[in-house]
Amino acid sequence: MMIDFSHLLDFATQLPHPSDIGLVKPSGGFQLLPVVFGILAIIQVSQFHWYARDCNDPEKFEGTERQKLSR
C-alpha cells in the first residue's frame, strides 16, 4: 500500500489564499508603531500573569508599606 501524493497536491491547490483569510503582508514595509504597541502588549500581559501568582503578590511581601501601616 503506497501513499498517493496526487491527492495531497489536489488538496493543496484548493486551500484558500492567505489574502482571503486576512494574512496579507503589508506593502508599506516595516512599521514601527505596531511593533511598539505589540511589545507593550506583551509586557503588560506578562506582568499580569506574573503578579497573578500568589508568590509574586507585592502586598504579601514582608515589610511592605501596607503591612507596616496595618500593624
PDB file of N, CA and C in Angstrom:
ATOM      1  N   MET A   1       0.853  -1.180   0.000  1.00  0.00           N
ATOM      2  CA  MET A   1       0.000   0.000   0.000  1.00  0.00           C
ATOM      3  C   MET A   1       0.895   1.238   0.000  1.00  0.00           C
ATOM      4  N   MET A   2       0.807   1.996  -1.038  1.00  0.00           N
ATOM      5  CA  MET A   2       1.613   3.201  -1.207  1.00  0.00           C
ATOM      6  C   MET A   2       0.736   4.438  -1.001  1.00  0.00           C
ATOM      7  N   ILE A   3       1.360   5.494  -0.552  1.00  0.00           N
ATOM      8  CA  ILE A   3       0.645   6.754  -0.385  1.00  0.00           C
ATOM      9  C   ILE A   3       0.607   7.461  -1.735  1.00  0.00           C
ATOM     10  N   ASP A   4      -0.564   7.855  -2.137  1.00  0.00           N
ATOM     11  CA  ASP A   4      -0.724   8.548  -3.412  1.00  0.00           C
ATOM     12  C   ASP A   4      -0.658  10.054  -3.153  1.00  0.00           C
ATOM     13  N   PHE A   5       0.442  10.678  -3.574  1.00  0.00           N
ATOM     14  CA  PHE A   5       0.647  12.099  -3.306  1.00  0.00           C
ATOM     15  C   PHE A   5      -0.135  13.000  -4.253  1.00  0.00           C
ATOM     16  N   SER A   6      -0.768  12.435  -5.252  1.00  0.00           N
ATOM     17  CA  SER A   6      -1.560  13.276  -6.155  1.00  0.00           C
ATOM     18  C   SER A   6      -2.781  13.844  -5.432  1.00  0.00           C
ATOM     19  N   HIS A   7      -3.315  13.106  -4.458  1.00  0.00           N
ATOM     20  CA  HIS A   7      -4.441  13.629  -3.680  1.00  0.00           C
ATOM     21  C   HIS A   7      -4.001  14.791  -2.797  1.00  0.00           C
ATOM     22  N   LEU A   8      -2.773  14.711  -2.274  1.00  0.00           N
ATOM     23  CA  LEU A   8      -2.246  15.797  -1.454  1.00  0.00           C
ATOM     24  C   LEU A   8      -2.070  17.058  -2.292  1.00  0.00           C
ATOM     25  N   LEU A   9      -1.588  16.891  -3.505  1.00  0.00           N
ATOM     26  CA  LEU A   9      -1.424  18.031  -4.397  1.00  0.00           C
ATOM     27  C   LEU A   9      -2.776  18.643  -4.750  1.00  0.00           C
ATOM     28  N   ASP A  10      -3.773  17.816  -4.979  1.00  0.00           N
ATOM     29  CA  ASP A  10      -5.115  18.329  -5.267  1.00  0.00           C
ATOM     30  C   ASP A  10      -5.669  19.109  -4.078  1.00  0.00           C
ATOM     31  N   PHE A  11      -5.428  18.601  -2.871  1.00  0.00           N
ATOM     32  CA  PHE A  11      -5.907  19.296  -1.674  1.00  0.00           C
ATOM     33  C   PHE A  11      -5.184  20.625  -1.493  1.00  0.00           C
ATOM     34  N   ALA A  12      -3.868  20.639  -1.731  1.00  0.00           N
ATOM     35  CA  ALA A  12      -3.082  21.853  -1.527  1.00  0.00           C
ATOM     36  C   ALA A  12      -3.472  22.948  -2.508  1.00  0.00           C
ATOM     37  N   THR A  13      -3.911  22.579  -3.686  1.00  0.00           N
ATOM     38  CA  THR A  13      -4.309  23.600  -4.652  1.00  0.00           C
ATOM     39  C   THR A  13      -5.666  24.196  -4.320  1.00  0.00           C
ATOM     40  N   GLN A  14      -6.431  23.569  -3.453  1.00  0.00           N
ATOM     41  CA  GLN A  14      -7.754  24.067  -3.096  1.00  0.00           C
ATOM     42  C   GLN A  14      -7.757  24.869  -1.798  1.00  0.00           C
ATOM     43  N   LEU A  15      -6.606  25.024  -1.149  1.00  0.00           N
ATOM     44  CA  LEU A  15      -6.542  25.799   0.083  1.00  0.00           C
ATOM     45  C   LEU A  15      -6.784  27.274  -0.211  1.00  0.00           C
ATOM     46  N   PRO A  16      -7.341  28.011   0.725  1.00  0.00           N
ATOM     47  CA  PRO A  16      -7.578  29.438   0.475  1.00  0.00           C
ATOM     48  C   PRO A  16      -6.259  30.202   0.393  1.00  0.00           C
ATOM     49  N   HIS A  17      -6.277  31.242  -0.379  1.00  0.00           N
ATOM     50  CA  HIS A  17      -5.108  32.108  -0.497  1.00  0.00           C
ATOM     51  C   HIS A  17      -4.950  32.885   0.808  1.00  0.00           C
ATOM     52  N   PRO A  18      -3.715  33.173   1.240  1.00  0.00           N
ATOM     53  CA  PRO A  18      -3.536  33.911   2.505  1.00  0.00           C
ATOM     54  C   PRO A  18      -4.259  35.250   2.540  1.00  0.00           C
ATOM     55  N   SER A  19      -4.417  35.903   1.402  1.00  0.00           N
ATOM     56  CA  SER A  19      -5.130  37.182   1.406  1.00  0.00           C
ATOM     57  C   SER A  19      -6.622  37.002   1.656  1.00  0.00           C
ATOM     58  N   ASP A  20      -7.140  35.791   1.402  1.00  0.00           N
ATOM     59  CA  ASP A  20      -8.561  35.535   1.651  1.00  0.00           C
ATOM     60  C   ASP A  20      -8.884  35.458   3.136  1.00  0.00           C
ATOM     61  N   ILE A  21      -7.919  35.093   3.963  1.00  0.00           N
ATOM     62  CA  ILE A  21      -8.170  34.958   5.401  1.00  0.00           C
ATOM     63  C   ILE A  21      -7.499  36.068   6.210  1.00  0.00           C
ATOM     64  N   GLY A  22      -7.035  37.118   5.534  1.00  0.00           N
ATOM     65  CA  GLY A  22      -6.501  38.281   6.224  1.00  0.00           C
ATOM     66  C   GLY A  22      -5.024  38.230   6.535  1.00  0.00           C
ATOM     67  N   LEU A  23      -4.300  37.256   6.022  1.00  0.00           N
ATOM     68  CA  LEU A  23      -2.863  37.174   6.266  1.00  0.00           C
ATOM     69  C   LEU A  23      -2.121  37.834   5.110  1.00  0.00           C
ATOM     70  N   VAL A  24      -2.171  39.135   5.066  1.00  0.00           N
ATOM     71  CA  VAL A  24      -1.570  39.868   3.966  1.00  0.00           C
ATOM     72  C   VAL A  24      -0.350  40.605   4.492  1.00  0.00           C
ATOM     73  N   LYS A  25       0.762  40.461   3.801  1.00  0.00           N
ATOM     74  CA  LYS A  25       1.968  41.196   4.178  1.00  0.00           C
ATOM     75  C   LYS A  25       1.752  42.668   3.829  1.00  0.00           C
ATOM     76  N   PRO A  26       2.004  43.572   4.771  1.00  0.00           N
ATOM     77  CA  PRO A  26       1.798  44.986   4.474  1.00  0.00           C
ATOM     78  C   PRO A  26       2.772  45.450   3.400  1.00  0.00           C
ATOM     79  N   SER A  27       2.286  46.258   2.492  1.00  0.00           N
ATOM     80  CA  SER A  27       3.125  46.716   1.388  1.00  0.00           C
ATOM     81  C   SER A  27       3.927  47.954   1.757  1.00  0.00           C
ATOM     82  N   GLY A  28       3.674  48.539   2.920  1.00  0.00           N
ATOM     83  CA  GLY A  28       4.379  49.750   3.310  1.00  0.00           C
ATOM     84  C   GLY A  28       5.718  49.499   3.952  1.00  0.00           C
ATOM     85  N   GLY A  29       6.138  48.255   4.069  1.00  0.00           N
ATOM     86  CA  GLY A  29       7.420  47.955   4.689  1.00  0.00           C
ATOM     87  C   GLY A  29       7.288  47.807   6.191  1.00  0.00           C
ATOM     88  N   PHE A  30       8.387  48.031   6.887  1.00  0.00           N
ATOM     89  CA  PHE A  30       8.440  47.869   8.337  1.00  0.00           C
ATOM     90  C   PHE A  30       7.749  49.044   9.008  1.00  0.00           C
ATOM     91  N   GLN A  31       6.763  48.766   9.830  1.00  0.00           N
ATOM     92  CA  GLN A  31       6.026  49.808  10.537  1.00  0.00           C
ATOM     93  C   GLN A  31       6.413  49.769  12.014  1.00  0.00           C
ATOM     94  N   LEU A  32       6.958  50.854  12.521  1.00  0.00           N
ATOM     95  CA  LEU A  32       7.464  50.888  13.891  1.00  0.00           C
ATOM     96  C   LEU A  32       6.343  50.978  14.921  1.00  0.00           C
ATOM     97  N   LEU A  33       5.289  51.710  14.630  1.00  0.00           N
ATOM     98  CA  LEU A  33       4.218  51.906  15.609  1.00  0.00           C
ATOM     99  C   LEU A  33       3.528  50.600  16.010  1.00  0.00           C
ATOM    100  N   PRO A  34       3.138  49.733  15.088  1.00  0.00           N
ATOM    101  CA  PRO A  34       2.550  48.459  15.521  1.00  0.00           C
ATOM    102  C   PRO A  34       3.523  47.585  16.301  1.00  0.00           C
ATOM    103  N   VAL A  35       4.800  47.671  15.989  1.00  0.00           N
ATOM    104  CA  VAL A  35       5.802  46.901  16.732  1.00  0.00           C
ATOM    105  C   VAL A  35       5.872  47.384  18.173  1.00  0.00           C
ATOM    106  N   VAL A  36       5.871  48.696  18.368  1.00  0.00           N
ATOM    107  CA  VAL A  36       5.942  49.261  19.720  1.00  0.00           C
ATOM    108  C   VAL A  36       4.708  48.859  20.529  1.00  0.00           C
ATOM    109  N   PHE A  37       3.529  48.972  19.940  1.00  0.00           N
ATOM    110  CA  PHE A  37       2.311  48.591  20.658  1.00  0.00           C
ATOM    111  C   PHE A  37       2.263  47.088  20.924  1.00  0.00           C
ATOM    112  N   GLY A  38       2.789  46.286  20.018  1.00  0.00           N
ATOM    113  CA  GLY A  38       2.846  44.846  20.241  1.00  0.00           C
ATOM    114  C   GLY A  38       3.759  44.482  21.392  1.00  0.00           C
ATOM    115  N   ILE A  39       4.912  45.140  21.471  1.00  0.00           N
ATOM    116  CA  ILE A  39       5.840  44.882  22.580  1.00  0.00           C
ATOM    117  C   ILE A  39       5.224  45.328  23.902  1.00  0.00           C
ATOM    118  N   LEU A  40       4.563  46.484  23.906  1.00  0.00           N
ATOM    119  CA  LEU A  40       3.895  46.946  25.131  1.00  0.00           C
ATOM    120  C   LEU A  40       2.802  45.974  25.566  1.00  0.00           C
ATOM    121  N   ALA A  41       2.060  45.437  24.622  1.00  0.00           N
ATOM    122  CA  ALA A  41       1.010  44.477  24.967  1.00  0.00           C
ATOM    123  C   ALA A  41       1.606  43.207  25.554  1.00  0.00           C
ATOM    124  N   ILE A  42       2.706  42.733  25.000  1.00  0.00           N
ATOM    125  CA  ILE A  42       3.362  41.532  25.534  1.00  0.00           C
ATOM    126  C   ILE A  42       3.860  41.783  26.949  1.00  0.00           C
ATOM    127  N   ILE A  43       4.434  42.955  27.201  1.00  0.00           N
ATOM    128  CA  ILE A  43       4.926  43.291  28.545  1.00  0.00           C
ATOM    129  C   ILE A  43       3.764  43.358  29.534  1.00  0.00           C
ATOM    130  N   GLN A  44       2.659  43.981  29.154  1.00  0.00           N
ATOM    131  CA  GLN A  44       1.519  44.100  30.060  1.00  0.00           C
ATOM    132  C   GLN A  44       0.904  42.747  30.376  1.00  0.00           C
ATOM    133  N   VAL A  45       0.786  41.885  29.388  1.00  0.00           N
ATOM    134  CA  VAL A  45       0.225  40.553  29.632  1.00  0.00           C
ATOM    135  C   VAL A  45       1.154  39.745  30.522  1.00  0.00           C
ATOM    136  N   SER A  46       2.470  39.861  30.296  1.00  0.00           N
ATOM    137  CA  SER A  46       3.406  39.103  31.132  1.00  0.00           C
ATOM    138  C   SER A  46       3.385  39.613  32.574  1.00  0.00           C
ATOM    139  N   GLN A  47       3.246  40.921  32.778  1.00  0.00           N
ATOM    140  CA  GLN A  47       3.146  41.437  34.144  1.00  0.00           C
ATOM    141  C   GLN A  47       1.850  40.987  34.805  1.00  0.00           C
ATOM    142  N   PHE A  48       0.773  40.933  34.063  1.00  0.00           N
ATOM    143  CA  PHE A  48      -0.490  40.453  34.618  1.00  0.00           C
ATOM    144  C   PHE A  48      -0.339  39.023  35.118  1.00  0.00           C
ATOM    145  N   HIS A  49       0.285  38.177  34.301  1.00  0.00           N
ATOM    146  CA  HIS A  49       0.460  36.785  34.713  1.00  0.00           C
ATOM    147  C   HIS A  49       1.463  36.655  35.855  1.00  0.00           C
ATOM    148  N   TRP A  50       2.480  37.520  35.895  1.00  0.00           N
ATOM    149  CA  TRP A  50       3.482  37.464  36.958  1.00  0.00           C
ATOM    150  C   TRP A  50       2.849  37.817  38.307  1.00  0.00           C
ATOM    151  N   TYR A  51       2.105  38.910  38.360  1.00  0.00           N
ATOM    152  CA  TYR A  51       1.529  39.348  39.630  1.00  0.00           C
ATOM    153  C   TYR A  51       0.252  38.599  39.987  1.00  0.00           C
ATOM    154  N   ALA A  52      -0.286  37.793  39.082  1.00  0.00           N
ATOM    155  CA  ALA A  52      -1.461  36.981  39.396  1.00  0.00           C
ATOM    156  C   ALA A  52      -1.104  35.809  40.298  1.00  0.00           C
ATOM    157  N   ARG A  53       0.156  35.440  40.333  1.00  0.00           N
ATOM    158  CA  ARG A  53       0.590  34.342  41.204  1.00  0.00           C
ATOM    159  C   ARG A  53       0.694  34.843  42.641  1.00  0.00           C
ATOM    160  N   ASP A  54       0.301  34.002  43.582  1.00  0.00           N
ATOM    161  CA  ASP A  54       0.345  34.402  44.988  1.00  0.00           C
ATOM    162  C   ASP A  54       1.765  34.655  45.465  1.00  0.00           C
ATOM    163  N   CYS A  55       2.725  33.909  44.962  1.00  0.00           N
ATOM    164  CA  CYS A  55       4.100  34.079  45.436  1.00  0.00           C
ATOM    165  C   CYS A  55       4.707  35.389  44.945  1.00  0.00           C
ATOM    166  N   ASN A  56       4.116  36.043  43.956  1.00  0.00           N
ATOM    167  CA  ASN A  56       4.647  37.298  43.434  1.00  0.00           C
ATOM    168  C   ASN A  56       3.780  38.497  43.794  1.00  0.00           C
ATOM    169  N   ASP A  57       2.818  38.324  44.693  1.00  0.00           N
ATOM    170  CA  ASP A  57       1.939  39.415  45.094  1.00  0.00           C
ATOM    171  C   ASP A  57       2.722  40.389  45.965  1.00  0.00           C
ATOM    172  N   PRO A  58       2.867  41.659  45.554  1.00  0.00           N
ATOM    173  CA  PRO A  58       3.668  42.601  46.338  1.00  0.00           C
ATOM    174  C   PRO A  58       3.078  42.904  47.715  1.00  0.00           C
ATOM    175  N   GLU A  59       1.772  42.734  47.895  1.00  0.00           N
ATOM    176  CA  GLU A  59       1.177  43.009  49.198  1.00  0.00           C
ATOM    177  C   GLU A  59       1.501  41.931  50.219  1.00  0.00           C
ATOM    178  N   LYS A  60       1.949  40.772  49.775  1.00  0.00           N
ATOM    179  CA  LYS A  60       2.248  39.683  50.699  1.00  0.00           C
ATOM    180  C   LYS A  60       3.721  39.628  51.088  1.00  0.00           C
ATOM    181  N   PHE A  61       4.531  40.539  50.537  1.00  0.00           N
ATOM    182  CA  PHE A  61       5.942  40.557  50.913  1.00  0.00           C
ATOM    183  C   PHE A  61       6.083  41.098  52.329  1.00  0.00           C
ATOM    184  N   GLU A  62       7.019  40.570  53.063  1.00  0.00           N
ATOM    185  CA  GLU A  62       7.282  41.029  54.431  1.00  0.00           C
ATOM    186  C   GLU A  62       7.934  42.407  54.364  1.00  0.00           C
ATOM    187  N   GLY A  63       7.383  43.348  55.095  1.00  0.00           N
ATOM    188  CA  GLY A  63       7.982  44.669  55.166  1.00  0.00           C
ATOM    189  C   GLY A  63       7.446  45.661  54.151  1.00  0.00           C
ATOM    190  N   THR A  64       6.346  45.375  53.493  1.00  0.00           N
ATOM    191  CA  THR A  64       5.787  46.365  52.579  1.00  0.00           C
ATOM    192  C   THR A  64       5.110  47.465  53.383  1.00  0.00           C
ATOM    193  N   GLU A  65       4.867  48.574  52.746  1.00  0.00           N
ATOM    194  CA  GLU A  65       4.307  49.730  53.442  1.00  0.00           C
ATOM    195  C   GLU A  65       2.918  49.441  54.006  1.00  0.00           C
ATOM    196  N   ARG A  66       2.090  48.699  53.301  1.00  0.00           N
ATOM    197  CA  ARG A  66       0.750  48.404  53.806  1.00  0.00           C
ATOM    198  C   ARG A  66       0.811  47.519  55.033  1.00  0.00           C
ATOM    199  N   GLN A  67       1.741  46.577  55.051  1.00  0.00           N
ATOM    200  CA  GLN A  67       1.853  45.716  56.226  1.00  0.00           C
ATOM    201  C   GLN A  67       2.393  46.494  57.420  1.00  0.00           C
ATOM    202  N   LYS A  68       3.275  47.449  57.171  1.00  0.00           N
ATOM    203  CA  LYS A  68       3.805  48.256  58.268  1.00  0.00           C
ATOM    204  C   LYS A  68       2.715  49.150  58.854  1.00  0.00           C
ATOM    205  N   LEU A  69       1.848  49.698  57.994  1.00  0.00           N
ATOM    206  CA  LEU A  69       0.793  50.583  58.477  1.00  0.00           C
ATOM    207  C   LEU A  69      -0.323  49.820  59.177  1.00  0.00           C
ATOM    208  N   SER A  70      -0.548  48.563  58.811  1.00  0.00           N
ATOM    209  CA  SER A  70      -1.639  47.806  59.414  1.00  0.00           C
ATOM    210  C   SER A  70      -1.276  47.257  60.791  1.00  0.00           C
ATOM    211  N   ARG A  71      -0.043  47.306  61.169  1.00  0.00           N
ATOM    212  CA  ARG A  71       0.369  46.785  62.484  1.00  0.00           C
ATOM    213  C   ARG A  71       0.133  47.747  63.591  1.00  0.00           C
TER     214      ARG A  71
END
